[in-house]
């Protein structure tokens, strides 16, 4: 199967694509956390840990 991708050429288009990709990632993480068989407090702790790691990577 061949797939042809047409990426945005403008800065606005690139920003919109980045935003949409981030939204999809957030939804995937949310669904994954929701299905984990652990208490809500533990899920919150996992999410905070991920947020902290992402902040470290950005710095």
C-alpha atoms as a PDB file:
ATOM      1  CA  UNK A   1       0.000   0.000   0.000  1.00  0.00           C
ATOM      2  CA  UNK A   2       1.337   3.431  -0.931  1.00  0.00           C
ATOM      3  CA  UNK A   3       0.449   6.533   1.015  1.00  0.00           C
ATOM      4  CA  UNK A   4       0.954  10.057  -0.251  1.00  0.00           C
ATOM      5  CA  UNK A   5       1.310  12.761   2.389  1.00  0.00           C
ATOM      6  CA  UNK A   6       0.826  16.440   1.670  1.00  0.00           C
ATOM      7  CA  UNK A   7       2.323  18.469   4.492  1.00  0.00           C
ATOM      8  CA  UNK A   8       1.343  22.089   5.071  1.00  0.00           C
ATOM      9  CA  UNK A   9       3.669  24.668   3.584  1.00  0.00           C
ATOM     10  CA  UNK A  10       2.623  27.746   5.554  1.00  0.00           C
ATOM     11  CA  UNK A  11       3.543  28.452   9.164  1.00  0.00           C
ATOM     12  CA  UNK A  12      -0.146  28.628  10.060  1.00  0.00           C
ATOM     13  CA  UNK A  13      -0.741  25.235   8.471  1.00  0.00           C
ATOM     14  CA  UNK A  14       2.259  23.733  10.267  1.00  0.00           C
ATOM     15  CA  UNK A  15       1.050  25.136  13.585  1.00  0.00           C
ATOM     16  CA  UNK A  16      -2.433  23.720  13.018  1.00  0.00           C
ATOM     17  CA  UNK A  17      -0.941  20.305  12.207  1.00  0.00           C
ATOM     18  CA  UNK A  18       1.219  20.360  15.353  1.00  0.00           C
ATOM     19  CA  UNK A  19      -1.825  21.299  17.436  1.00  0.00           C
ATOM     20  CA  UNK A  20      -3.930  18.500  15.950  1.00  0.00           C
ATOM     21  CA  UNK A  21      -1.169  15.934  16.510  1.00  0.00           C
ATOM     22  CA  UNK A  22      -0.893  17.059  20.139  1.00  0.00           C
ATOM     23  CA  UNK A  23      -4.668  16.714  20.570  1.00  0.00           C
ATOM     24  CA  UNK A  24      -4.578  13.162  19.199  1.00  0.00           C
ATOM     25  CA  UNK A  25      -1.729  12.270  21.565  1.00  0.00           C
ATOM     26  CA  UNK A  26      -3.622  13.679  24.552  1.00  0.00           C
ATOM     27  CA  UNK A  27      -6.702  11.660  23.603  1.00  0.00           C
ATOM     28  CA  UNK A  28      -4.609   8.479  23.303  1.00  0.00           C
ATOM     29  CA  UNK A  29      -3.019   9.021  26.718  1.00  0.00           C
ATOM     30  CA  UNK A  30      -6.419   9.774  28.231  1.00  0.00           C
ATOM     31  CA  UNK A  31      -7.915   6.557  26.824  1.00  0.00           C
ATOM     32  CA  UNK A  32      -4.904   4.545  28.002  1.00  0.00           C
ATOM     33  CA  UNK A  33      -5.078   5.949  31.530  1.00  0.00           C
ATOM     34  CA  UNK A  34      -8.840   5.381  31.681  1.00  0.00           C
ATOM     35  CA  UNK A  35      -8.444   1.664  31.010  1.00  0.00           C
ATOM     36  CA  UNK A  36      -5.700   1.100  33.613  1.00  0.00           C
ATOM     37  CA  UNK A  37      -6.888  -1.035  36.533  1.00  0.00           C
ATOM     38  CA  UNK A  38      -5.659   1.315  39.254  1.00  0.00           C
ATOM     39  CA  UNK A  39      -7.139   4.021  41.487  1.00  0.00           C
ATOM     40  CA  UNK A  40      -7.761   7.510  40.132  1.00  0.00           C
ATOM     41  CA  UNK A  41      -5.087   8.952  42.434  1.00  0.00           C
ATOM     42  CA  UNK A  42      -2.487   6.682  40.856  1.00  0.00           C
ATOM     43  CA  UNK A  43      -3.619   7.684  37.364  1.00  0.00           C
ATOM     44  CA  UNK A  44      -3.236  11.343  38.312  1.00  0.00           C
ATOM     45  CA  UNK A  45       0.262  10.619  39.635  1.00  0.00           C
ATOM     46  CA  UNK A  46       1.184   8.924  36.348  1.00  0.00           C
ATOM     47  CA  UNK A  47      -0.116  11.867  34.344  1.00  0.00           C
ATOM     48  CA  UNK A  48       1.802  14.358  36.490  1.00  0.00           C
ATOM     49  CA  UNK A  49       4.952  12.294  36.070  1.00  0.00           C
ATOM     50  CA  UNK A  50       4.548  12.386  32.279  1.00  0.00           C
ATOM     51  CA  UNK A  51       3.960  16.161  32.363  1.00  0.00           C
ATOM     52  CA  UNK A  52       7.088  16.643  34.476  1.00  0.00           C
ATOM     53  CA  UNK A  53       9.181  14.540  32.117  1.00  0.00           C
ATOM     54  CA  UNK A  54       7.939  16.517  29.105  1.00  0.00           C
ATOM     55  CA  UNK A  55       8.860  19.791  30.841  1.00  0.00           C
ATOM     56  CA  UNK A  56      12.388  18.456  31.479  1.00  0.00           C
ATOM     57  CA  UNK A  57      12.745  17.462  27.842  1.00  0.00           C
ATOM     58  CA  UNK A  58      11.671  20.945  26.705  1.00  0.00           C
ATOM     59  CA  UNK A  59      14.219  22.703  28.924  1.00  0.00           C
END
